[in-house]
Amino acid sequence: NDVRSLKRYLDKHITTELAKLLIQMKLSPHSHVTVITVAQNQYQIHIEQLQRTN
């Protein structure tokens, strides 16, 4: 049950937020995304645009 609860939470909150960022073009290819929990049921998403190397 705990694993399912975590999956539901991630799908509902984190996946949805990342999808919104993709739609808004704020999340580009080669980005590094960090999700930090700051309090119970609160989180921050940090996006670092990585330089593509050839």
C-alpha atoms as a PDB file:
ATOM      1  CA  ASN A   1       0.000   0.000   0.000  1.00  0.00           C
ATOM      2  CA  ASP A   2       2.793   2.442   0.804  1.00  0.00           C
ATOM      3  CA  VAL A   3       4.370   1.967  -2.617  1.00  0.00           C
ATOM      4  CA  ARG A   4       1.042   2.510  -4.367  1.00  0.00           C
ATOM      5  CA  SER A   5       0.420   5.627  -2.290  1.00  0.00           C
ATOM      6  CA  LEU A   6       3.818   6.998  -3.258  1.00  0.00           C
ATOM      7  CA  LYS A   7       3.208   6.223  -6.936  1.00  0.00           C
ATOM      8  CA  ARG A   8      -0.182   7.958  -6.828  1.00  0.00           C
ATOM      9  CA  TYR A   9       1.342  10.995  -5.144  1.00  0.00           C
ATOM     10  CA  LEU A  10       4.159  11.194  -7.691  1.00  0.00           C
ATOM     11  CA  ASP A  11       1.754  10.790 -10.607  1.00  0.00           C
ATOM     12  CA  LYS A  12      -0.696  13.352  -9.255  1.00  0.00           C
ATOM     13  CA  HIS A  13       1.812  16.015  -8.240  1.00  0.00           C
ATOM     14  CA  ILE A  14       5.287  15.621  -9.705  1.00  0.00           C
ATOM     15  CA  THR A  15       4.452  14.097 -13.092  1.00  0.00           C
ATOM     16  CA  THR A  16       1.665  16.618 -13.625  1.00  0.00           C
ATOM     17  CA  GLU A  17       3.936  19.527 -12.721  1.00  0.00           C
ATOM     18  CA  LEU A  18       6.675  18.299 -15.067  1.00  0.00           C
ATOM     19  CA  ALA A  19       4.130  17.911 -17.874  1.00  0.00           C
ATOM     20  CA  LYS A  20       3.005  21.514 -17.331  1.00  0.00           C
ATOM     21  CA  LEU A  21       6.618  22.677 -17.531  1.00  0.00           C
ATOM     22  CA  LEU A  22       7.067  20.779 -20.804  1.00  0.00           C
ATOM     23  CA  ILE A  23       3.931  22.349 -22.273  1.00  0.00           C
ATOM     24  CA  GLN A  24       5.089  25.816 -21.174  1.00  0.00           C
ATOM     25  CA  MET A  25       8.470  25.124 -22.839  1.00  0.00           C
ATOM     26  CA  LYS A  26      10.269  25.692 -19.518  1.00  0.00           C
ATOM     27  CA  LEU A  27      11.754  22.213 -19.564  1.00  0.00           C
ATOM     28  CA  SER A  28      14.016  21.567 -22.513  1.00  0.00           C
ATOM     29  CA  PRO A  29      16.007  18.545 -23.655  1.00  0.00           C
ATOM     30  CA  HIS A  30      19.155  17.914 -21.617  1.00  0.00           C
ATOM     31  CA  SER A  31      17.674  19.486 -18.490  1.00  0.00           C
ATOM     32  CA  HIS A  32      18.500  18.222 -15.037  1.00  0.00           C
ATOM     33  CA  VAL A  33      15.459  18.233 -12.745  1.00  0.00           C
ATOM     34  CA  THR A  34      15.726  18.022  -8.974  1.00  0.00           C
ATOM     35  CA  VAL A  35      12.692  17.654  -6.737  1.00  0.00           C
ATOM     36  CA  ILE A  36      13.253  18.682  -3.135  1.00  0.00           C
ATOM     37  CA  THR A  37      10.798  18.112  -0.323  1.00  0.00           C
ATOM     38  CA  VAL A  38      10.609  21.192   1.886  1.00  0.00           C
ATOM     39  CA  ALA A  39       7.775  20.142   4.201  1.00  0.00           C
ATOM     40  CA  GLN A  40       5.091  17.509   4.403  1.00  0.00           C
ATOM     41  CA  ASN A  41       3.242  17.515   1.052  1.00  0.00           C
ATOM     42  CA  GLN A  42       5.323  20.463  -0.181  1.00  0.00           C
ATOM     43  CA  TYR A  43       8.119  20.352  -2.706  1.00  0.00           C
ATOM     44  CA  GLN A  44      10.233  22.533  -4.954  1.00  0.00           C
ATOM     45  CA  ILE A  45      11.297  21.723  -8.481  1.00  0.00           C
ATOM     46  CA  HIS A  46      14.675  23.019  -9.623  1.00  0.00           C
ATOM     47  CA  ILE A  47      15.616  22.921 -13.298  1.00  0.00           C
ATOM     48  CA  GLU A  48      19.174  23.198 -14.526  1.00  0.00           C
ATOM     49  CA  GLN A  49      19.675  23.616 -18.254  1.00  0.00           C
ATOM     50  CA  LEU A  50      22.687  21.478 -19.106  1.00  0.00           C
ATOM     51  CA  GLN A  51      24.998  22.379 -21.942  1.00  0.00           C
ATOM     52  CA  ARG A  52      24.951  19.802 -24.697  1.00  0.00           C
ATOM     53  CA  THR A  53      28.400  18.533 -25.599  1.00  0.00           C
ATOM     54  CA  ASN A  54      29.233  17.099 -29.010  1.00  0.00           C
END
